[in-house]
Amino acid sequence: MISRRICVILCVVCASLIPCSCQRGRSPALKAYNAALSARNETQAKSMQLYQEGMKAHSESKAEEAIQYMREAVEADSQNAQAWMTLGVLEYKRGNVFEAARAFHRTGRIAPTRYEPHFNLGTIFEAVGYYEQAIEEYEIALKLSPNEVEVMENLARCYFRNDTNLEKARKLVRCALRHELRPEWQRWLEMRIDKTSLMGKESN
């Protein structure tokens, strides 16, 4: 209610000031703003067009061409999170781990509320044996999206591999098992529960 009243008051004040000659200076500034906005819209449109071309190339199994389109898309618009994310996935599939990590990191900065960039970064760190860094990224991903089963499983696996937070890892395994539908992962989770239960009995 307060904000609405303020808006009304500001509108009245602005209306009363329009005849003042000092307002003429706003016209060039407004034109400059509109020009910048138009240029921004054109840049975004060009970037999205390149992104769509990249997706088309990817669907046709033209990996190098798809990567090139995505690189051009993020060059055209450095804030295109979709293009950065896809570029990371394509680079990772080509074995370009460093480039993939850079793309995912950039995606995370542009879209800080999305869990996917952190999940993908965790996957890269885990693949190269950097479990502490993987855990950090998976924990961020889980905080952003607490019900993602794959995040729970990967985080639990890294806890076990790094021999840390084992109790939390067990809780994650039990929680994931209640929602997991893939048979291979169900077996892995069940094996983990059996193994941790046996370790608990031995410690007693």
C-alpha atoms as a PDB file:
ATOM      1  CA  MET A   1       0.000   0.000   0.000  1.00  0.00           C
ATOM      2  CA  ILE A   2       2.846   2.410   0.869  1.00  0.00           C
ATOM      3  CA  SER A   3       4.664   1.741  -2.416  1.00  0.00           C
ATOM      4  CA  ARG A   4       1.481   2.374  -4.422  1.00  0.00           C
ATOM      5  CA  ARG A   5       0.983   5.704  -2.709  1.00  0.00           C
ATOM      6  CA  ILE A   6       4.572   6.714  -3.420  1.00  0.00           C
ATOM      7  CA  CYS A   7       4.138   5.866  -7.104  1.00  0.00           C
ATOM      8  CA  VAL A   8       1.029   8.030  -7.296  1.00  0.00           C
ATOM      9  CA  ILE A   9       2.764  10.924  -5.577  1.00  0.00           C
ATOM     10  CA  LEU A  10       5.763  10.662  -7.900  1.00  0.00           C
ATOM     11  CA  CYS A  11       3.489  10.669 -10.942  1.00  0.00           C
ATOM     12  CA  VAL A  12       1.794  13.840  -9.721  1.00  0.00           C
ATOM     13  CA  VAL A  13       5.125  15.545  -9.033  1.00  0.00           C
ATOM     14  CA  CYS A  14       6.512  14.584 -12.442  1.00  0.00           C
ATOM     15  CA  ALA A  15       3.389  15.855 -14.155  1.00  0.00           C
ATOM     16  CA  SER A  16       3.720  19.192 -12.390  1.00  0.00           C
ATOM     17  CA  LEU A  17       7.351  19.512 -13.465  1.00  0.00           C
ATOM     18  CA  ILE A  18       6.883  18.820 -17.185  1.00  0.00           C
ATOM     19  CA  PRO A  19       6.570  22.484 -18.222  1.00  0.00           C
ATOM     20  CA  CYS A  20       9.948  23.316 -16.641  1.00  0.00           C
ATOM     21  CA  SER A  21      12.637  24.085 -19.233  1.00  0.00           C
ATOM     22  CA  CYS A  22      15.162  21.961 -17.344  1.00  0.00           C
ATOM     23  CA  GLN A  23      13.257  18.845 -18.459  1.00  0.00           C
ATOM     24  CA  ARG A  24      14.390  19.291 -22.045  1.00  0.00           C
ATOM     25  CA  GLY A  25      17.718  17.716 -21.166  1.00  0.00           C
ATOM     26  CA  ARG A  26      15.982  14.418 -20.619  1.00  0.00           C
ATOM     27  CA  SER A  27      15.160  13.936 -24.293  1.00  0.00           C
ATOM     28  CA  PRO A  28      18.732  13.083 -25.485  1.00  0.00           C
ATOM     29  CA  ALA A  29      19.185  10.802 -22.489  1.00  0.00           C
ATOM     30  CA  LEU A  30      15.922   9.038 -23.263  1.00  0.00           C
ATOM     31  CA  LYS A  31      16.915   8.630 -26.890  1.00  0.00           C
ATOM     32  CA  ALA A  32      20.273   7.198 -25.848  1.00  0.00           C
ATOM     33  CA  TYR A  33      18.545   4.783 -23.485  1.00  0.00           C
ATOM     34  CA  ASN A  34      16.117   3.633 -26.173  1.00  0.00           C
ATOM     35  CA  ALA A  35      18.973   3.198 -28.644  1.00  0.00           C
ATOM     36  CA  ALA A  36      20.929   1.117 -26.135  1.00  0.00           C
ATOM     37  CA  LEU A  37      17.832  -0.963 -25.372  1.00  0.00           C
ATOM     38  CA  SER A  38      17.229  -1.573 -29.060  1.00  0.00           C
ATOM     39  CA  ALA A  39      20.835  -2.617 -29.569  1.00  0.00           C
ATOM     40  CA  ARG A  40      20.561  -4.962 -26.594  1.00  0.00           C
ATOM     41  CA  ASN A  41      17.426  -6.565 -28.016  1.00  0.00           C
ATOM     42  CA  GLU A  42      19.133  -7.040 -31.373  1.00  0.00           C
ATOM     43  CA  THR A  43      22.142  -8.615 -29.664  1.00  0.00           C
ATOM     44  CA  GLN A  44      19.937 -11.014 -27.719  1.00  0.00           C
ATOM     45  CA  ALA A  45      18.019 -11.945 -30.851  1.00  0.00           C
ATOM     46  CA  LYS A  46      21.240 -12.633 -32.767  1.00  0.00           C
ATOM     47  CA  SER A  47      22.588 -14.723 -29.899  1.00  0.00           C
ATOM     48  CA  MET A  48      19.399 -16.790 -29.661  1.00  0.00           C
ATOM     49  CA  GLN A  49      19.406 -17.338 -33.421  1.00  0.00           C
ATOM     50  CA  LEU A  50      22.962 -18.691 -33.187  1.00  0.00           C
ATOM     51  CA  TYR A  51      21.899 -20.823 -30.218  1.00  0.00           C
ATOM     52  CA  GLN A  52      19.038 -22.325 -32.241  1.00  0.00           C
ATOM     53  CA  GLU A  53      21.425 -23.048 -35.128  1.00  0.00           C
ATOM     54  CA  GLY A  54      23.728 -24.762 -32.654  1.00  0.00           C
ATOM     55  CA  MET A  55      20.914 -26.891 -31.300  1.00  0.00           C
ATOM     56  CA  LYS A  56      19.972 -27.860 -34.850  1.00  0.00           C
ATOM     57  CA  ALA A  57      23.563 -28.863 -35.587  1.00  0.00           C
ATOM     58  CA  HIS A  58      23.664 -30.853 -32.345  1.00  0.00           C
ATOM     59  CA  SER A  59      20.465 -32.713 -33.273  1.00  0.00           C
ATOM     60  CA  GLU A  60      22.146 -33.623 -36.560  1.00  0.00           C
ATOM     61  CA  SER A  61      25.221 -34.964 -34.690  1.00  0.00           C
ATOM     62  CA  LYS A  62      27.450 -32.162 -35.981  1.00  0.00           C
ATOM     63  CA  ALA A  63      29.370 -31.667 -32.753  1.00  0.00           C
ATOM     64  CA  GLU A  64      32.088 -29.271 -33.917  1.00  0.00           C
ATOM     65  CA  GLU A  65      29.595 -27.116 -35.793  1.00  0.00           C
ATOM     66  CA  ALA A  66      27.306 -27.030 -32.753  1.00  0.00           C
ATOM     67  CA  ILE A  67      30.169 -25.959 -30.498  1.00  0.00           C
ATOM     68  CA  GLN A  68      31.136 -23.197 -32.914  1.00  0.00           C
ATOM     69  CA  TYR A  69      27.587 -21.878 -32.998  1.00  0.00           C
ATOM     70  CA  MET A  70      27.420 -21.865 -29.195  1.00  0.00           C
ATOM     71  CA  ARG A  71      30.730 -20.024 -28.968  1.00  0.00           C
ATOM     72  CA  GLU A  72      29.417 -17.409 -31.370  1.00  0.00           C
ATOM     73  CA  ALA A  73      26.172 -17.193 -29.391  1.00  0.00           C
ATOM     74  CA  VAL A  74      27.942 -16.370 -26.103  1.00  0.00           C
ATOM     75  CA  GLU A  75      30.258 -14.000 -27.933  1.00  0.00           C
ATOM     76  CA  ALA A  76      27.228 -12.159 -29.286  1.00  0.00           C
ATOM     77  CA  ASP A  77      25.567 -12.084 -25.856  1.00  0.00           C
ATOM     78  CA  SER A  78      27.704 -12.956 -22.858  1.00  0.00           C
ATOM     79  CA  GLN A  79      24.550 -13.199 -20.695  1.00  0.00           C
ATOM     80  CA  ASN A  80      22.970 -16.017 -22.725  1.00  0.00           C
ATOM     81  CA  ALA A  81      22.805 -18.669 -19.989  1.00  0.00           C
ATOM     82  CA  GLN A  82      21.240 -21.283 -22.269  1.00  0.00           C
ATOM     83  CA  ALA A  83      24.101 -21.016 -24.734  1.00  0.00           C
ATOM     84  CA  TRP A  84      26.748 -21.154 -22.002  1.00  0.00           C
ATOM     85  CA  MET A  85      25.112 -24.210 -20.449  1.00  0.00           C
ATOM     86  CA  THR A  86      24.821 -26.037 -23.756  1.00  0.00           C
ATOM     87  CA  LEU A  87      28.368 -25.097 -24.673  1.00  0.00           C
ATOM     88  CA  GLY A  88      29.546 -26.660 -21.416  1.00  0.00           C
ATOM     89  CA  VAL A  89      27.695 -29.900 -22.130  1.00  0.00           C
ATOM     90  CA  LEU A  90      29.055 -30.091 -25.674  1.00  0.00           C
ATOM     91  CA  GLU A  91      32.615 -29.339 -24.570  1.00  0.00           C
ATOM     92  CA  TYR A  92      32.376 -31.996 -21.870  1.00  0.00           C
ATOM     93  CA  LYS A  93      31.175 -34.586 -24.358  1.00  0.00           C
ATOM     94  CA  ARG A  94      34.170 -33.750 -26.551  1.00  0.00           C
ATOM     95  CA  GLY A  95      36.516 -34.274 -23.612  1.00  0.00           C
ATOM     96  CA  ASN A  96      37.316 -30.582 -23.213  1.00  0.00           C
ATOM     97  CA  VAL A  97      37.013 -30.577 -19.433  1.00  0.00           C
ATOM     98  CA  PHE A  98      38.573 -27.175 -18.773  1.00  0.00           C
ATOM     99  CA  GLU A  99      36.385 -25.441 -21.355  1.00  0.00           C
ATOM    100  CA  ALA A 100      33.300 -27.220 -20.006  1.00  0.00           C
ATOM    101  CA  ALA A 101      34.055 -26.149 -16.441  1.00  0.00           C
ATOM    102  CA  ARG A 102      34.530 -22.561 -17.565  1.00  0.00           C
ATOM    103  CA  ALA A 103      31.176 -22.593 -19.360  1.00  0.00           C
ATOM    104  CA  PHE A 104      29.342 -24.087 -16.374  1.00  0.00           C
ATOM    105  CA  HIS A 105      30.977 -21.612 -14.018  1.00  0.00           C
ATOM    106  CA  ARG A 106      29.852 -18.749 -16.226  1.00  0.00           C
ATOM    107  CA  THR A 107      26.320 -20.184 -16.357  1.00  0.00           C
ATOM    108  CA  GLY A 108      26.214 -20.314 -12.567  1.00  0.00           C
ATOM    109  CA  ARG A 109      27.126 -16.633 -12.337  1.00  0.00           C
ATOM    110  CA  ILE A 110      24.466 -15.628 -14.857  1.00  0.00           C
ATOM    111  CA  ALA A 111      21.753 -17.878 -13.368  1.00  0.00           C
ATOM    112  CA  PRO A 112      22.577 -18.105  -9.641  1.00  0.00           C
ATOM    113  CA  THR A 113      19.263 -19.750  -8.708  1.00  0.00           C
ATOM    114  CA  ARG A 114      19.699 -22.735 -11.049  1.00  0.00           C
ATOM    115  CA  TYR A 115      21.164 -25.949  -9.639  1.00  0.00           C
ATOM    116  CA  GLU A 116      22.242 -27.454 -12.976  1.00  0.00           C
ATOM    117  CA  PRO A 117      25.522 -25.534 -13.457  1.00  0.00           C
ATOM    118  CA  HIS A 118      26.721 -26.559  -9.995  1.00  0.00           C
ATOM    119  CA  PHE A 119      25.646 -30.161 -10.568  1.00  0.00           C
ATOM    120  CA  ASN A 120      27.607 -30.248 -13.810  1.00  0.00           C
ATOM    121  CA  LEU A 121      30.648 -28.646 -12.204  1.00  0.00           C
ATOM    122  CA  GLY A 122      30.448 -31.256  -9.452  1.00  0.00           C
ATOM    123  CA  THR A 123      30.338 -33.986 -12.085  1.00  0.00           C
ATOM    124  CA  ILE A 124      33.523 -32.645 -13.689  1.00  0.00           C
ATOM    125  CA  PHE A 125      35.380 -32.321 -10.395  1.00  0.00           C
ATOM    126  CA  GLU A 126      34.301 -35.805  -9.355  1.00  0.00           C
ATOM    127  CA  ALA A 127      35.397 -37.268 -12.697  1.00  0.00           C
ATOM    128  CA  VAL A 128      38.946 -35.961 -12.209  1.00  0.00           C
ATOM    129  CA  GLY A 129      39.110 -36.986  -8.547  1.00  0.00           C
ATOM    130  CA  TYR A 130      38.704 -33.554  -6.950  1.00  0.00           C
ATOM    131  CA  TYR A 131      36.158 -34.776  -4.423  1.00  0.00           C
ATOM    132  CA  GLU A 132      36.255 -31.806  -2.063  1.00  0.00           C
ATOM    133  CA  GLN A 133      35.497 -29.396  -4.904  1.00  0.00           C
ATOM    134  CA  ALA A 134      32.824 -31.772  -6.218  1.00  0.00           C
ATOM    135  CA  ILE A 135      31.212 -31.916  -2.778  1.00  0.00           C
ATOM    136  CA  GLU A 136      31.155 -28.127  -2.590  1.00  0.00           C
ATOM    137  CA  GLU A 137      29.359 -27.838  -5.932  1.00  0.00           C
ATOM    138  CA  TYR A 138      26.931 -30.687  -5.189  1.00  0.00           C
ATOM    139  CA  GLU A 139      26.073 -29.123  -1.827  1.00  0.00           C
ATOM    140  CA  ILE A 140      25.238 -25.831  -3.555  1.00  0.00           C
ATOM    141  CA  ALA A 141      23.138 -27.715  -6.111  1.00  0.00           C
ATOM    142  CA  LEU A 142      21.257 -29.565  -3.373  1.00  0.00           C
ATOM    143  CA  LYS A 143      20.610 -26.340  -1.488  1.00  0.00           C
ATOM    144  CA  LEU A 144      19.159 -24.793  -4.645  1.00  0.00           C
ATOM    145  CA  SER A 145      17.067 -27.884  -5.462  1.00  0.00           C
ATOM    146  CA  PRO A 146      16.673 -30.111  -2.384  1.00  0.00           C
ATOM    147  CA  ASN A 147      14.547 -32.792  -4.087  1.00  0.00           C
ATOM    148  CA  GLU A 148      16.849 -33.667  -6.984  1.00  0.00           C
ATOM    149  CA  VAL A 149      17.606 -37.372  -6.604  1.00  0.00           C
ATOM    150  CA  GLU A 150      20.696 -37.310  -8.834  1.00  0.00           C
ATOM    151  CA  VAL A 151      22.231 -34.556  -6.729  1.00  0.00           C
ATOM    152  CA  MET A 152      21.609 -36.578  -3.556  1.00  0.00           C
ATOM    153  CA  GLU A 153      23.217 -39.663  -5.093  1.00  0.00           C
ATOM    154  CA  ASN A 154      26.281 -37.906  -6.458  1.00  0.00           C
ATOM    155  CA  LEU A 155      26.827 -36.007  -3.238  1.00  0.00           C
ATOM    156  CA  ALA A 156      26.493 -39.194  -1.171  1.00  0.00           C
ATOM    157  CA  ARG A 157      28.939 -40.988  -3.469  1.00  0.00           C
ATOM    158  CA  CYS A 158      31.510 -38.204  -3.043  1.00  0.00           C
ATOM    159  CA  TYR A 159      31.070 -38.264   0.729  1.00  0.00           C
ATOM    160  CA  PHE A 160      31.823 -41.990   0.696  1.00  0.00           C
ATOM    161  CA  ARG A 161      34.770 -41.606  -1.659  1.00  0.00           C
ATOM    162  CA  ASN A 162      36.205 -38.765   0.392  1.00  0.00           C
ATOM    163  CA  ASP A 163      35.434 -40.590   3.665  1.00  0.00           C
ATOM    164  CA  THR A 164      33.669 -37.557   5.095  1.00  0.00           C
ATOM    165  CA  ASN A 165      30.175 -36.714   6.377  1.00  0.00           C
ATOM    166  CA  LEU A 166      29.290 -40.403   6.330  1.00  0.00           C
ATOM    167  CA  GLU A 167      26.178 -40.016   8.440  1.00  0.00           C
ATOM    168  CA  LYS A 168      24.867 -37.356   6.072  1.00  0.00           C
ATOM    169  CA  ALA A 169      25.749 -39.648   3.167  1.00  0.00           C
ATOM    170  CA  ARG A 170      23.635 -42.447   4.681  1.00  0.00           C
ATOM    171  CA  LYS A 171      20.674 -40.095   5.082  1.00  0.00           C
ATOM    172  CA  LEU A 172      21.007 -38.988   1.470  1.00  0.00           C
ATOM    173  CA  VAL A 173      21.097 -42.616   0.306  1.00  0.00           C
ATOM    174  CA  ARG A 174      17.935 -43.496   2.228  1.00  0.00           C
ATOM    175  CA  CYS A 175      16.150 -40.425   0.937  1.00  0.00           C
ATOM    176  CA  ALA A 176      17.219 -41.063  -2.658  1.00  0.00           C
ATOM    177  CA  LEU A 177      16.112 -44.687  -2.499  1.00  0.00           C
ATOM    178  CA  ARG A 178      12.548 -43.610  -1.727  1.00  0.00           C
ATOM    179  CA  HIS A 179      12.370 -41.728  -5.021  1.00  0.00           C
ATOM    180  CA  GLU A 180      14.779 -43.513  -7.337  1.00  0.00           C
ATOM    181  CA  LEU A 181      13.159 -45.390 -10.227  1.00  0.00           C
ATOM    182  CA  ARG A 182      16.231 -46.511 -12.192  1.00  0.00           C
ATOM    183  CA  PRO A 183      17.037 -50.168 -11.387  1.00  0.00           C
ATOM    184  CA  GLU A 184      20.819 -49.767 -11.561  1.00  0.00           C
ATOM    185  CA  TRP A 185      20.754 -46.888  -9.114  1.00  0.00           C
ATOM    186  CA  GLN A 186      18.292 -48.685  -6.839  1.00  0.00           C
ATOM    187  CA  ARG A 187      20.781 -51.552  -6.592  1.00  0.00           C
ATOM    188  CA  TRP A 188      23.650 -49.171  -5.861  1.00  0.00           C
ATOM    189  CA  LEU A 189      21.690 -47.421  -3.126  1.00  0.00           C
ATOM    190  CA  GLU A 190      20.595 -50.704  -1.572  1.00  0.00           C
ATOM    191  CA  MET A 191      24.193 -51.958  -1.596  1.00  0.00           C
ATOM    192  CA  ARG A 192      25.289 -48.773   0.133  1.00  0.00           C
ATOM    193  CA  ILE A 193      22.643 -49.179   2.823  1.00  0.00           C
ATOM    194  CA  ASP A 194      23.667 -52.812   3.384  1.00  0.00           C
ATOM    195  CA  LYS A 195      27.332 -51.907   3.534  1.00  0.00           C
ATOM    196  CA  THR A 196      26.853 -49.028   5.958  1.00  0.00           C
ATOM    197  CA  SER A 197      24.591 -51.172   8.162  1.00  0.00           C
ATOM    198  CA  LEU A 198      27.308 -53.843   8.311  1.00  0.00           C
ATOM    199  CA  MET A 199      29.923 -51.248   9.188  1.00  0.00           C
ATOM    200  CA  GLY A 200      27.681 -49.991  11.972  1.00  0.00           C
ATOM    201  CA  LYS A 201      27.359 -53.495  13.451  1.00  0.00           C
ATOM    202  CA  GLU A 202      31.132 -54.041  13.306  1.00  0.00           C
ATOM    203  CA  SER A 203      31.796 -50.773  15.073  1.00  0.00           C
ATOM    204  CA  ASN A 204      29.493 -51.873  17.901  1.00  0.00           C
END
